[in-house]
Amino acid sequence: MLNALLFDLDGTLADTDALHLLALQQLLQEEEGRDFGHEEFMAHVSGQANANMCRYLFPERSVNEHEAFAERKEQRFRQLSAQLEPMPGLLRLLDFAEQHGIATCVVTNAPRANAEHMLKALGLEQRLHQVLVAEELPRAKPDPLPYLRGLECLRASASAALAFEDSVPGLTAAVGAGIPTFGLATSQHPRTLLEAGAHRVIRDFDDPQLWSEIHHRLGLPA
């Protein structure tokens, strides 16, 4: 059975890590004269809520200062991402879900403004049934709460759902909610995703492994 698909946003619906890194590098250089590399980004920022990112970057600063920096960073990201391309196979999957009555939801640690901006830039603002953002919930990923709330909104059970994630915090959250989760190898090594609990690792939404599982779940011919 399959009646729900739950998607992370950044790095899953579109490959955006490079733009987030660039936005952060620009701001840190402009405001702090501080260099910030890809390895540090992957270890401490990718997939994390902004609160965690800011605690890592500026442990001595107040929550208000963290929130102000995070907003500047997200504004810069939105400026850099006026146009985005959906991950290969995504539109095919959303069309299939619509044809077969499968509910869809975005579950993201990104702020609401980013989620709305990205979905509009991707032409997807009317394509998903729900959009859940961590800043509107008591706890963000890697806590499973965002995915549990997503299942609740879609009136789905974990066993009848699939999730899609590209980061360790996201996988930790989805797997913690009991959802079989495909890891997208857009930014992390496949081994890292498997060690974080990925059900399978795929390159994009055209991957035959994904479609084989979907057809099996629905009792359709391969």
N, C-alpha and C. Protein backbone atom coordinates (compact mmCIF):
# COMPACT_ATOMS: atom_id res chain seq x y z
N MET A 1 0.84 -1.20 0.00
CA MET A 1 0.00 0.00 0.00
C MET A 1 0.88 1.25 0.00
N LEU A 2 0.41 2.27 -0.69
CA LEU A 2 1.12 3.55 -0.72
C LEU A 2 0.09 4.66 -0.90
N ASN A 3 -0.06 5.51 0.12
CA ASN A 3 -1.02 6.61 -0.02
C ASN A 3 -0.46 7.97 0.38
N ALA A 4 0.87 8.05 0.62
CA ALA A 4 1.45 9.34 0.99
C ALA A 4 2.92 9.40 0.61
N LEU A 5 3.33 10.55 0.08
CA LEU A 5 4.73 10.84 -0.21
C LEU A 5 5.11 12.12 0.53
N LEU A 6 6.20 12.07 1.30
CA LEU A 6 6.64 13.22 2.08
C LEU A 6 8.04 13.61 1.63
N PHE A 7 8.21 14.86 1.26
CA PHE A 7 9.45 15.33 0.66
C PHE A 7 10.14 16.39 1.53
N ASP A 8 11.43 16.24 1.71
CA ASP A 8 12.24 17.37 2.13
C ASP A 8 12.23 18.38 0.99
N LEU A 9 12.76 19.57 1.24
CA LEU A 9 12.75 20.63 0.23
C LEU A 9 14.14 20.83 -0.38
N ASP A 10 15.02 21.50 0.36
CA ASP A 10 16.37 21.78 -0.15
C ASP A 10 17.15 20.49 -0.36
N GLY A 11 17.72 20.36 -1.56
CA GLY A 11 18.52 19.18 -1.86
C GLY A 11 17.71 17.98 -2.26
N THR A 12 16.38 18.10 -2.20
CA THR A 12 15.50 16.97 -2.52
C THR A 12 14.58 17.33 -3.69
N LEU A 13 13.80 18.39 -3.55
CA LEU A 13 13.00 18.85 -4.69
C LEU A 13 13.87 19.57 -5.71
N ALA A 14 14.92 20.21 -5.23
CA ALA A 14 15.90 20.88 -6.10
C ALA A 14 17.25 20.84 -5.40
N ASP A 15 18.30 20.83 -6.19
CA ASP A 15 19.66 20.76 -5.63
C ASP A 15 20.12 22.18 -5.31
N THR A 16 19.96 22.58 -4.05
CA THR A 16 20.18 23.97 -3.66
C THR A 16 21.33 24.18 -2.69
N ASP A 17 22.01 23.12 -2.28
CA ASP A 17 23.06 23.28 -1.28
C ASP A 17 24.14 24.28 -1.71
N ALA A 18 24.50 24.26 -3.00
CA ALA A 18 25.54 25.17 -3.47
C ALA A 18 25.12 26.63 -3.29
N LEU A 19 23.83 26.92 -3.48
CA LEU A 19 23.35 28.29 -3.32
C LEU A 19 23.30 28.69 -1.84
N HIS A 20 22.92 27.77 -0.97
CA HIS A 20 22.93 28.07 0.46
C HIS A 20 24.36 28.31 0.94
N LEU A 21 25.29 27.50 0.45
CA LEU A 21 26.70 27.70 0.83
C LEU A 21 27.19 29.05 0.34
N LEU A 22 26.87 29.41 -0.89
CA LEU A 22 27.31 30.69 -1.44
C LEU A 22 26.74 31.85 -0.64
N ALA A 23 25.45 31.78 -0.30
CA ALA A 23 24.83 32.85 0.50
C ALA A 23 25.54 33.01 1.84
N LEU A 24 25.85 31.89 2.47
CA LEU A 24 26.52 31.93 3.76
C LEU A 24 27.95 32.44 3.63
N GLN A 25 28.65 31.99 2.61
CA GLN A 25 30.02 32.46 2.39
C GLN A 25 30.06 33.96 2.16
N GLN A 26 29.15 34.46 1.35
CA GLN A 26 29.13 35.89 1.07
C GLN A 26 28.90 36.70 2.33
N LEU A 27 27.90 36.31 3.12
CA LEU A 27 27.58 37.06 4.34
C LEU A 27 28.71 37.00 5.36
N LEU A 28 29.25 35.82 5.58
CA LEU A 28 30.32 35.69 6.58
C LEU A 28 31.56 36.47 6.17
N GLN A 29 31.83 36.52 4.88
CA GLN A 29 32.98 37.29 4.41
C GLN A 29 32.71 38.79 4.55
N GLU A 30 31.50 39.21 4.17
CA GLU A 30 31.15 40.63 4.23
C GLU A 30 31.09 41.15 5.67
N GLU A 31 30.51 40.36 6.56
CA GLU A 31 30.24 40.83 7.92
C GLU A 31 31.34 40.48 8.92
N GLU A 32 32.05 39.37 8.67
CA GLU A 32 33.00 38.88 9.66
C GLU A 32 34.42 38.74 9.12
N GLY A 33 34.58 38.84 7.79
CA GLY A 33 35.87 38.54 7.19
C GLY A 33 36.25 37.09 7.41
N ARG A 34 35.24 36.23 7.44
CA ARG A 34 35.43 34.83 7.84
C ARG A 34 35.25 33.91 6.64
N ASP A 35 36.19 33.00 6.45
CA ASP A 35 36.07 31.99 5.40
C ASP A 35 35.23 30.83 5.90
N PHE A 36 34.51 30.22 4.97
CA PHE A 36 33.63 29.11 5.34
C PHE A 36 33.58 28.15 4.16
N GLY A 37 34.06 26.92 4.38
CA GLY A 37 34.20 25.98 3.28
C GLY A 37 33.11 24.94 3.19
N HIS A 38 33.17 24.17 2.11
CA HIS A 38 32.15 23.16 1.83
C HIS A 38 32.11 22.08 2.91
N GLU A 39 33.27 21.64 3.36
CA GLU A 39 33.30 20.57 4.36
C GLU A 39 32.63 21.01 5.66
N GLU A 40 32.90 22.23 6.08
CA GLU A 40 32.29 22.75 7.31
C GLU A 40 30.78 22.91 7.12
N PHE A 41 30.39 23.35 5.93
CA PHE A 41 28.96 23.50 5.61
C PHE A 41 28.24 22.15 5.72
N MET A 42 28.82 21.11 5.12
CA MET A 42 28.18 19.81 5.14
C MET A 42 28.10 19.25 6.56
N ALA A 43 29.10 19.53 7.38
CA ALA A 43 29.14 18.97 8.73
C ALA A 43 28.20 19.69 9.69
N HIS A 44 27.97 20.99 9.49
CA HIS A 44 27.29 21.76 10.52
C HIS A 44 26.06 22.55 10.05
N VAL A 45 25.82 22.61 8.74
CA VAL A 45 24.73 23.45 8.25
C VAL A 45 23.72 22.67 7.41
N SER A 46 24.19 21.85 6.49
CA SER A 46 23.29 21.16 5.56
C SER A 46 22.26 20.34 6.32
N GLY A 47 20.99 20.62 6.06
CA GLY A 47 19.89 19.89 6.68
C GLY A 47 19.51 20.37 8.07
N GLN A 48 20.29 21.28 8.64
CA GLN A 48 20.02 21.75 10.00
C GLN A 48 19.03 22.92 10.00
N ALA A 49 18.30 23.06 11.09
CA ALA A 49 17.49 24.25 11.29
C ALA A 49 18.41 25.45 11.49
N ASN A 50 17.92 26.64 11.15
CA ASN A 50 18.75 27.84 11.27
C ASN A 50 19.22 28.09 12.70
N ALA A 51 18.40 27.72 13.67
CA ALA A 51 18.81 27.91 15.07
C ALA A 51 20.07 27.12 15.37
N ASN A 52 20.15 25.89 14.88
CA ASN A 52 21.35 25.07 15.10
C ASN A 52 22.54 25.65 14.35
N MET A 53 22.31 26.11 13.12
CA MET A 53 23.39 26.72 12.34
C MET A 53 23.98 27.91 13.08
N CYS A 54 23.12 28.78 13.58
CA CYS A 54 23.60 29.99 14.24
C CYS A 54 24.28 29.70 15.57
N ARG A 55 23.79 28.70 16.29
CA ARG A 55 24.47 28.32 17.54
C ARG A 55 25.88 27.84 17.25
N TYR A 56 26.06 27.15 16.12
CA TYR A 56 27.40 26.70 15.75
C TYR A 56 28.27 27.88 15.32
N LEU A 57 27.73 28.76 14.48
CA LEU A 57 28.53 29.86 13.95
C LEU A 57 28.86 30.91 15.00
N PHE A 58 27.87 31.22 15.85
CA PHE A 58 28.01 32.33 16.80
C PHE A 58 27.55 31.90 18.19
N PRO A 59 28.28 31.02 18.85
CA PRO A 59 27.82 30.51 20.16
C PRO A 59 27.70 31.59 21.22
N GLU A 60 28.39 32.72 21.04
CA GLU A 60 28.38 33.77 22.05
C GLU A 60 27.24 34.77 21.84
N ARG A 61 26.51 34.68 20.74
CA ARG A 61 25.49 35.69 20.43
C ARG A 61 24.12 35.30 20.98
N SER A 62 23.25 36.30 21.08
CA SER A 62 21.91 36.08 21.61
C SER A 62 20.99 35.46 20.56
N VAL A 63 19.85 34.98 21.03
CA VAL A 63 18.85 34.40 20.11
C VAL A 63 18.39 35.45 19.11
N ASN A 64 18.19 36.69 19.55
CA ASN A 64 17.76 37.75 18.63
C ASN A 64 18.80 37.99 17.54
N GLU A 65 20.07 37.97 17.92
CA GLU A 65 21.14 38.15 16.92
C GLU A 65 21.18 36.96 15.96
N HIS A 66 20.96 35.77 16.49
CA HIS A 66 20.90 34.58 15.63
C HIS A 66 19.77 34.72 14.61
N GLU A 67 18.61 35.11 15.07
CA GLU A 67 17.45 35.23 14.17
C GLU A 67 17.69 36.28 13.10
N ALA A 68 18.33 37.38 13.47
CA ALA A 68 18.60 38.44 12.50
C ALA A 68 19.59 37.97 11.44
N PHE A 69 20.64 37.25 11.86
CA PHE A 69 21.60 36.74 10.89
C PHE A 69 20.94 35.71 9.97
N ALA A 70 20.15 34.82 10.54
CA ALA A 70 19.48 33.80 9.74
C ALA A 70 18.59 34.43 8.68
N GLU A 71 17.89 35.49 9.05
CA GLU A 71 17.02 36.17 8.08
C GLU A 71 17.84 36.81 6.97
N ARG A 72 18.99 37.41 7.31
CA ARG A 72 19.85 37.98 6.26
C ARG A 72 20.36 36.90 5.33
N LYS A 73 20.73 35.77 5.91
CA LYS A 73 21.23 34.66 5.08
C LYS A 73 20.13 34.15 4.15
N GLU A 74 18.91 33.99 4.66
CA GLU A 74 17.84 33.47 3.82
C GLU A 74 17.42 34.48 2.75
N GLN A 75 17.47 35.76 3.07
CA GLN A 75 17.20 36.77 2.05
C GLN A 75 18.23 36.68 0.92
N ARG A 76 19.49 36.48 1.29
CA ARG A 76 20.53 36.35 0.28
C ARG A 76 20.30 35.10 -0.57
N PHE A 77 19.92 34.01 0.07
CA PHE A 77 19.62 32.78 -0.69
C PHE A 77 18.49 33.03 -1.69
N ARG A 78 17.44 33.71 -1.26
CA ARG A 78 16.32 33.95 -2.17
C ARG A 78 16.74 34.83 -3.34
N GLN A 79 17.65 35.76 -3.10
CA GLN A 79 18.16 36.59 -4.19
C GLN A 79 18.95 35.75 -5.20
N LEU A 80 19.65 34.75 -4.71
CA LEU A 80 20.50 33.92 -5.56
C LEU A 80 19.72 32.82 -6.29
N SER A 81 18.48 32.58 -5.88
CA SER A 81 17.74 31.42 -6.40
C SER A 81 16.43 31.82 -7.06
N ALA A 82 16.48 32.86 -7.87
CA ALA A 82 15.26 33.32 -8.54
C ALA A 82 14.69 32.26 -9.47
N GLN A 83 15.56 31.44 -10.04
CA GLN A 83 15.12 30.35 -10.91
C GLN A 83 15.76 29.05 -10.44
N LEU A 84 14.93 28.02 -10.34
CA LEU A 84 15.40 26.71 -9.91
C LEU A 84 14.85 25.63 -10.83
N GLU A 85 15.59 24.54 -10.93
CA GLU A 85 15.15 23.40 -11.74
C GLU A 85 14.73 22.26 -10.82
N PRO A 86 13.54 21.67 -11.06
CA PRO A 86 13.15 20.51 -10.25
C PRO A 86 14.13 19.36 -10.45
N MET A 87 14.29 18.56 -9.42
CA MET A 87 15.12 17.38 -9.53
C MET A 87 14.58 16.49 -10.66
N PRO A 88 15.46 15.88 -11.46
CA PRO A 88 14.98 15.00 -12.53
C PRO A 88 14.00 13.95 -12.01
N GLY A 89 12.90 13.80 -12.73
CA GLY A 89 11.89 12.81 -12.37
C GLY A 89 10.85 13.30 -11.39
N LEU A 90 11.05 14.48 -10.79
CA LEU A 90 10.10 14.95 -9.77
C LEU A 90 8.72 15.20 -10.35
N LEU A 91 8.65 15.88 -11.48
CA LEU A 91 7.34 16.17 -12.07
C LEU A 91 6.63 14.88 -12.48
N ARG A 92 7.39 13.94 -12.98
CA ARG A 92 6.82 12.62 -13.31
C ARG A 92 6.21 11.97 -12.06
N LEU A 93 6.92 12.04 -10.95
CA LEU A 93 6.43 11.43 -9.71
C LEU A 93 5.18 12.15 -9.20
N LEU A 94 5.17 13.47 -9.26
CA LEU A 94 4.00 14.21 -8.80
C LEU A 94 2.79 13.95 -9.69
N ASP A 95 3.02 13.84 -11.00
CA ASP A 95 1.93 13.48 -11.91
C ASP A 95 1.36 12.11 -11.56
N PHE A 96 2.26 11.16 -11.31
CA PHE A 96 1.84 9.80 -10.96
C PHE A 96 1.05 9.81 -9.67
N ALA A 97 1.53 10.55 -8.67
CA ALA A 97 0.83 10.62 -7.39
C ALA A 97 -0.58 11.17 -7.56
N GLU A 98 -0.70 12.20 -8.38
CA GLU A 98 -2.02 12.79 -8.61
C GLU A 98 -2.95 11.80 -9.30
N GLN A 99 -2.43 11.07 -10.27
CA GLN A 99 -3.24 10.10 -11.01
C GLN A 99 -3.71 8.96 -10.13
N HIS A 100 -2.93 8.61 -9.10
CA HIS A 100 -3.25 7.45 -8.26
C HIS A 100 -3.75 7.85 -6.87
N GLY A 101 -4.09 9.11 -6.68
CA GLY A 101 -4.67 9.54 -5.42
C GLY A 101 -3.73 9.46 -4.24
N ILE A 102 -2.44 9.66 -4.48
CA ILE A 102 -1.44 9.62 -3.41
C ILE A 102 -1.21 11.04 -2.90
N ALA A 103 -1.39 11.26 -1.62
CA ALA A 103 -1.24 12.59 -1.03
C ALA A 103 0.25 12.95 -0.93
N THR A 104 0.54 14.25 -0.99
CA THR A 104 1.93 14.71 -0.97
C THR A 104 2.11 15.84 0.03
N CYS A 105 3.32 15.92 0.57
CA CYS A 105 3.60 16.92 1.61
C CYS A 105 5.08 17.28 1.57
N VAL A 106 5.38 18.56 1.76
CA VAL A 106 6.76 19.00 1.99
C VAL A 106 6.97 19.13 3.49
N VAL A 107 8.09 18.60 3.97
CA VAL A 107 8.46 18.70 5.39
C VAL A 107 9.87 19.28 5.42
N THR A 108 10.02 20.52 5.87
CA THR A 108 11.30 21.19 5.72
C THR A 108 11.71 21.96 6.97
N ASN A 109 13.02 22.06 7.17
CA ASN A 109 13.58 22.93 8.20
C ASN A 109 13.72 24.37 7.70
N ALA A 110 13.45 24.61 6.43
CA ALA A 110 13.56 25.96 5.88
C ALA A 110 12.44 26.85 6.42
N PRO A 111 12.67 28.17 6.48
CA PRO A 111 11.60 29.09 6.89
C PRO A 111 10.46 29.08 5.87
N ARG A 112 9.28 29.51 6.31
CA ARG A 112 8.11 29.57 5.43
C ARG A 112 8.39 30.41 4.18
N ALA A 113 9.08 31.55 4.35
CA ALA A 113 9.36 32.41 3.19
C ALA A 113 10.20 31.68 2.15
N ASN A 114 11.17 30.89 2.60
CA ASN A 114 11.99 30.12 1.65
C ASN A 114 11.17 29.04 0.97
N ALA A 115 10.35 28.34 1.74
CA ALA A 115 9.55 27.27 1.16
C ALA A 115 8.63 27.82 0.07
N GLU A 116 7.97 28.92 0.36
CA GLU A 116 7.07 29.51 -0.64
C GLU A 116 7.84 30.01 -1.85
N HIS A 117 9.00 30.63 -1.60
CA HIS A 117 9.84 31.12 -2.70
C HIS A 117 10.29 29.96 -3.59
N MET A 118 10.79 28.89 -2.98
CA MET A 118 11.30 27.77 -3.76
C MET A 118 10.21 27.07 -4.55
N LEU A 119 9.07 26.84 -3.93
CA LEU A 119 7.99 26.17 -4.64
C LEU A 119 7.51 27.01 -5.82
N LYS A 120 7.48 28.33 -5.64
CA LYS A 120 7.10 29.20 -6.75
C LYS A 120 8.16 29.17 -7.85
N ALA A 121 9.45 29.22 -7.46
CA ALA A 121 10.53 29.19 -8.45
C ALA A 121 10.55 27.88 -9.22
N LEU A 122 10.09 26.81 -8.58
CA LEU A 122 10.04 25.49 -9.22
C LEU A 122 8.73 25.26 -9.97
N GLY A 123 7.77 26.17 -9.84
CA GLY A 123 6.47 25.99 -10.47
C GLY A 123 5.62 24.94 -9.77
N LEU A 124 5.84 24.76 -8.47
CA LEU A 124 5.17 23.68 -7.73
C LEU A 124 4.21 24.19 -6.65
N GLU A 125 3.93 25.49 -6.64
CA GLU A 125 3.15 26.04 -5.53
C GLU A 125 1.75 25.45 -5.42
N GLN A 126 1.23 24.86 -6.51
CA GLN A 126 -0.10 24.26 -6.47
C GLN A 126 -0.06 22.74 -6.55
N ARG A 127 1.13 22.15 -6.45
CA ARG A 127 1.26 20.72 -6.73
C ARG A 127 1.29 19.83 -5.50
N LEU A 128 1.50 20.39 -4.31
CA LEU A 128 1.62 19.57 -3.10
C LEU A 128 0.50 19.91 -2.13
N HIS A 129 0.01 18.89 -1.43
CA HIS A 129 -1.17 19.08 -0.59
C HIS A 129 -0.87 19.86 0.69
N GLN A 130 0.31 19.67 1.26
CA GLN A 130 0.66 20.32 2.52
C GLN A 130 2.12 20.78 2.47
N VAL A 131 2.41 21.86 3.18
CA VAL A 131 3.79 22.33 3.35
C VAL A 131 3.98 22.61 4.84
N LEU A 132 4.81 21.80 5.48
CA LEU A 132 5.10 21.95 6.91
C LEU A 132 6.51 22.49 7.08
N VAL A 133 6.64 23.55 7.88
CA VAL A 133 7.96 24.15 8.12
C VAL A 133 8.28 24.08 9.60
N ALA A 134 9.55 23.82 9.90
CA ALA A 134 9.96 23.55 11.27
C ALA A 134 9.73 24.74 12.19
N GLU A 135 9.86 25.97 11.66
CA GLU A 135 9.73 27.14 12.52
C GLU A 135 8.32 27.28 13.09
N GLU A 136 7.36 26.55 12.53
CA GLU A 136 5.98 26.61 13.01
C GLU A 136 5.63 25.41 13.89
N LEU A 137 6.63 24.59 14.21
CA LEU A 137 6.43 23.40 15.04
C LEU A 137 7.29 23.50 16.30
N PRO A 138 6.94 22.77 17.35
CA PRO A 138 7.73 22.84 18.58
C PRO A 138 9.17 22.35 18.41
N ARG A 139 9.39 21.40 17.49
CA ARG A 139 10.74 20.85 17.31
C ARG A 139 10.99 20.63 15.82
N ALA A 140 12.24 20.85 15.41
CA ALA A 140 12.65 20.69 14.02
C ALA A 140 13.34 19.34 13.83
N LYS A 141 13.60 18.97 12.57
CA LYS A 141 14.46 17.83 12.31
C LYS A 141 15.83 18.12 12.96
N PRO A 142 16.48 17.13 13.52
CA PRO A 142 16.32 15.68 13.36
C PRO A 142 15.26 15.03 14.24
N ASP A 143 14.52 15.81 15.02
CA ASP A 143 13.41 15.23 15.77
C ASP A 143 12.37 14.70 14.78
N PRO A 144 11.74 13.58 15.06
CA PRO A 144 10.75 13.03 14.12
C PRO A 144 9.43 13.80 14.07
N LEU A 145 9.23 14.76 14.98
CA LEU A 145 7.94 15.45 15.04
C LEU A 145 7.47 16.01 13.70
N PRO A 146 8.31 16.70 12.91
CA PRO A 146 7.80 17.23 11.64
C PRO A 146 7.21 16.16 10.73
N TYR A 147 7.84 14.99 10.68
CA TYR A 147 7.30 13.92 9.84
C TYR A 147 6.07 13.28 10.46
N LEU A 148 6.04 13.16 11.76
CA LEU A 148 4.83 12.65 12.41
C LEU A 148 3.65 13.59 12.15
N ARG A 149 3.91 14.89 12.19
CA ARG A 149 2.85 15.86 11.90
C ARG A 149 2.44 15.77 10.42
N GLY A 150 3.41 15.53 9.54
CA GLY A 150 3.08 15.36 8.13
C GLY A 150 2.17 14.18 7.90
N LEU A 151 2.47 13.05 8.54
CA LEU A 151 1.59 11.88 8.42
C LEU A 151 0.19 12.20 8.93
N GLU A 152 0.14 12.91 10.03
CA GLU A 152 -1.15 13.29 10.61
C GLU A 152 -1.95 14.16 9.64
N CYS A 153 -1.28 15.13 9.03
CA CYS A 153 -1.97 16.03 8.09
C CYS A 153 -2.50 15.28 6.87
N LEU A 154 -1.75 14.27 6.43
CA LEU A 154 -2.15 13.50 5.25
C LEU A 154 -3.05 12.32 5.61
N ARG A 155 -3.29 12.13 6.91
CA ARG A 155 -4.10 11.00 7.39
C ARG A 155 -3.53 9.68 6.87
N ALA A 156 -2.23 9.54 7.02
CA ALA A 156 -1.52 8.37 6.51
C ALA A 156 -0.75 7.70 7.63
N SER A 157 -0.52 6.41 7.48
CA SER A 157 0.34 5.69 8.41
C SER A 157 1.75 5.63 7.83
N ALA A 158 2.74 5.48 8.71
CA ALA A 158 4.12 5.42 8.25
C ALA A 158 4.35 4.26 7.29
N SER A 159 3.70 3.14 7.54
CA SER A 159 3.92 1.96 6.71
C SER A 159 3.34 2.12 5.31
N ALA A 160 2.42 3.07 5.13
CA ALA A 160 1.81 3.31 3.82
C ALA A 160 2.37 4.56 3.16
N ALA A 161 3.54 5.01 3.63
CA ALA A 161 4.14 6.24 3.11
C ALA A 161 5.57 5.98 2.67
N LEU A 162 6.09 6.92 1.90
CA LEU A 162 7.51 6.99 1.57
C LEU A 162 7.97 8.42 1.81
N ALA A 163 9.21 8.56 2.29
CA ALA A 163 9.80 9.88 2.47
C ALA A 163 11.06 9.98 1.62
N PHE A 164 11.45 11.24 1.36
CA PHE A 164 12.63 11.51 0.53
C PHE A 164 13.46 12.59 1.20
N GLU A 165 14.74 12.27 1.44
CA GLU A 165 15.63 13.18 2.16
C GLU A 165 17.03 13.12 1.57
N ASP A 166 17.79 14.20 1.75
CA ASP A 166 19.17 14.22 1.26
C ASP A 166 20.19 14.45 2.37
N SER A 167 19.74 14.68 3.61
CA SER A 167 20.68 15.01 4.69
C SER A 167 20.53 14.05 5.85
N VAL A 168 21.56 13.99 6.68
CA VAL A 168 21.52 13.13 7.86
C VAL A 168 20.44 13.58 8.86
N PRO A 169 20.32 14.88 9.19
CA PRO A 169 19.24 15.27 10.10
C PRO A 169 17.85 14.92 9.56
N GLY A 170 17.67 15.10 8.26
CA GLY A 170 16.37 14.78 7.67
C GLY A 170 16.07 13.30 7.71
N LEU A 171 17.07 12.49 7.36
CA LEU A 171 16.88 11.04 7.42
C LEU A 171 16.61 10.58 8.85
N THR A 172 17.32 11.14 9.80
CA THR A 172 17.11 10.79 11.20
C THR A 172 15.66 11.05 11.60
N ALA A 173 15.12 12.18 11.14
CA ALA A 173 13.74 12.54 11.47
C ALA A 173 12.74 11.59 10.82
N ALA A 174 12.89 11.37 9.52
CA ALA A 174 11.93 10.54 8.79
C ALA A 174 11.97 9.09 9.26
N VAL A 175 13.17 8.56 9.43
CA VAL A 175 13.31 7.18 9.90
C VAL A 175 12.79 7.07 11.33
N GLY A 176 13.04 8.10 12.13
CA GLY A 176 12.53 8.10 13.50
C GLY A 176 11.02 8.10 13.57
N ALA A 177 10.38 8.61 12.52
CA ALA A 177 8.92 8.59 12.44
C ALA A 177 8.40 7.27 11.89
N GLY A 178 9.32 6.36 11.56
CA GLY A 178 8.93 5.04 11.08
C GLY A 178 8.66 4.95 9.60
N ILE A 179 9.04 5.98 8.83
CA ILE A 179 8.73 6.01 7.40
C ILE A 179 9.89 5.44 6.59
N PRO A 180 9.66 4.46 5.72
CA PRO A 180 10.72 4.04 4.80
C PRO A 180 11.16 5.24 3.96
N THR A 181 12.46 5.53 3.96
CA THR A 181 12.94 6.79 3.41
C THR A 181 14.03 6.57 2.37
N PHE A 182 13.82 7.14 1.20
CA PHE A 182 14.83 7.12 0.15
C PHE A 182 15.79 8.29 0.37
N GLY A 183 17.08 7.99 0.34
CA GLY A 183 18.08 9.04 0.42
C GLY A 183 18.49 9.48 -0.97
N LEU A 184 18.45 10.77 -1.23
CA LEU A 184 18.90 11.31 -2.51
C LEU A 184 20.35 11.74 -2.39
N ALA A 185 21.19 11.18 -3.25
CA ALA A 185 22.63 11.42 -3.16
C ALA A 185 23.01 12.70 -3.90
N THR A 186 22.38 13.81 -3.51
CA THR A 186 22.69 15.09 -4.13
C THR A 186 23.88 15.77 -3.46
N SER A 187 24.07 15.51 -2.18
CA SER A 187 25.14 16.20 -1.46
C SER A 187 25.96 15.26 -0.58
N GLN A 188 25.36 14.21 -0.08
CA GLN A 188 26.05 13.28 0.81
C GLN A 188 26.47 12.01 0.05
N HIS A 189 27.51 11.36 0.54
CA HIS A 189 27.93 10.08 -0.03
C HIS A 189 26.84 9.04 0.25
N PRO A 190 26.56 8.15 -0.70
CA PRO A 190 25.53 7.13 -0.46
C PRO A 190 25.73 6.35 0.83
N ARG A 191 26.98 6.05 1.18
CA ARG A 191 27.23 5.30 2.42
C ARG A 191 26.75 6.08 3.64
N THR A 192 26.96 7.40 3.61
CA THR A 192 26.51 8.24 4.73
C THR A 192 25.00 8.18 4.88
N LEU A 193 24.29 8.19 3.76
CA LEU A 193 22.83 8.14 3.80
C LEU A 193 22.35 6.78 4.30
N LEU A 194 22.99 5.72 3.86
CA LEU A 194 22.60 4.38 4.32
C LEU A 194 22.86 4.23 5.82
N GLU A 195 23.99 4.75 6.28
CA GLU A 195 24.31 4.66 7.70
C GLU A 195 23.33 5.47 8.54
N ALA A 196 22.74 6.51 7.94
CA ALA A 196 21.75 7.33 8.65
C ALA A 196 20.36 6.70 8.63
N GLY A 197 20.23 5.56 7.94
CA GLY A 197 18.95 4.84 7.96
C GLY A 197 18.18 4.82 6.67
N ALA A 198 18.77 5.32 5.57
CA ALA A 198 18.05 5.32 4.30
C ALA A 198 17.64 3.91 3.90
N HIS A 199 16.41 3.78 3.46
CA HIS A 199 15.86 2.51 2.96
C HIS A 199 16.62 2.09 1.71
N ARG A 200 16.78 3.04 0.81
CA ARG A 200 17.61 2.89 -0.39
C ARG A 200 18.16 4.26 -0.75
N VAL A 201 19.21 4.29 -1.54
CA VAL A 201 19.77 5.55 -2.02
C VAL A 201 19.54 5.63 -3.53
N ILE A 202 19.03 6.78 -3.97
CA ILE A 202 18.75 6.99 -5.38
C ILE A 202 19.43 8.27 -5.85
N ARG A 203 19.66 8.35 -7.16
CA ARG A 203 20.32 9.54 -7.70
C ARG A 203 19.32 10.67 -7.92
N ASP A 204 18.07 10.31 -8.28
CA ASP A 204 17.00 11.29 -8.50
C ASP A 204 15.69 10.52 -8.59
N PHE A 205 14.61 11.20 -8.97
CA PHE A 205 13.29 10.57 -8.96
C PHE A 205 13.00 9.74 -10.20
N ASP A 206 13.96 9.64 -11.11
CA ASP A 206 13.84 8.73 -12.24
C ASP A 206 14.49 7.38 -11.95
N ASP A 207 15.09 7.24 -10.79
CA ASP A 207 15.84 6.02 -10.47
C ASP A 207 14.93 4.79 -10.52
N PRO A 208 15.32 3.74 -11.24
CA PRO A 208 14.48 2.54 -11.34
C PRO A 208 14.16 1.90 -9.99
N GLN A 209 15.06 2.02 -9.01
CA GLN A 209 14.78 1.45 -7.68
C GLN A 209 13.51 2.03 -7.08
N LEU A 210 13.33 3.34 -7.24
CA LEU A 210 12.16 4.00 -6.70
C LEU A 210 10.89 3.51 -7.38
N TRP A 211 10.92 3.47 -8.70
CA TRP A 211 9.71 3.10 -9.43
C TRP A 211 9.36 1.63 -9.23
N SER A 212 10.37 0.79 -9.06
CA SER A 212 10.11 -0.61 -8.76
C SER A 212 9.36 -0.75 -7.44
N GLU A 213 9.79 0.01 -6.44
CA GLU A 213 9.12 -0.06 -5.13
C GLU A 213 7.70 0.50 -5.21
N ILE A 214 7.53 1.61 -5.90
CA ILE A 214 6.19 2.20 -6.02
C ILE A 214 5.24 1.22 -6.70
N HIS A 215 5.67 0.63 -7.80
CA HIS A 215 4.81 -0.32 -8.51
C HIS A 215 4.49 -1.53 -7.64
N HIS A 216 5.49 -2.00 -6.90
CA HIS A 216 5.26 -3.14 -6.00
C HIS A 216 4.25 -2.78 -4.92
N ARG A 217 4.39 -1.60 -4.34
CA ARG A 217 3.48 -1.17 -3.27
C ARG A 217 2.03 -1.08 -3.77
N LEU A 218 1.87 -0.69 -5.02
CA LEU A 218 0.52 -0.49 -5.57
C LEU A 218 0.01 -1.71 -6.33
N GLY A 219 0.82 -2.76 -6.40
CA GLY A 219 0.40 -3.95 -7.12
C GLY A 219 0.33 -3.76 -8.61
N LEU A 220 1.19 -2.87 -9.13
CA LEU A 220 1.22 -2.60 -10.57
C LEU A 220 2.34 -3.41 -11.22
N PRO A 221 2.22 -3.72 -12.50
CA PRO A 221 3.30 -4.44 -13.18
C PRO A 221 4.57 -3.60 -13.20
N ALA A 222 5.70 -4.26 -13.11
CA ALA A 222 6.99 -3.56 -13.10
C ALA A 222 7.24 -2.86 -14.42
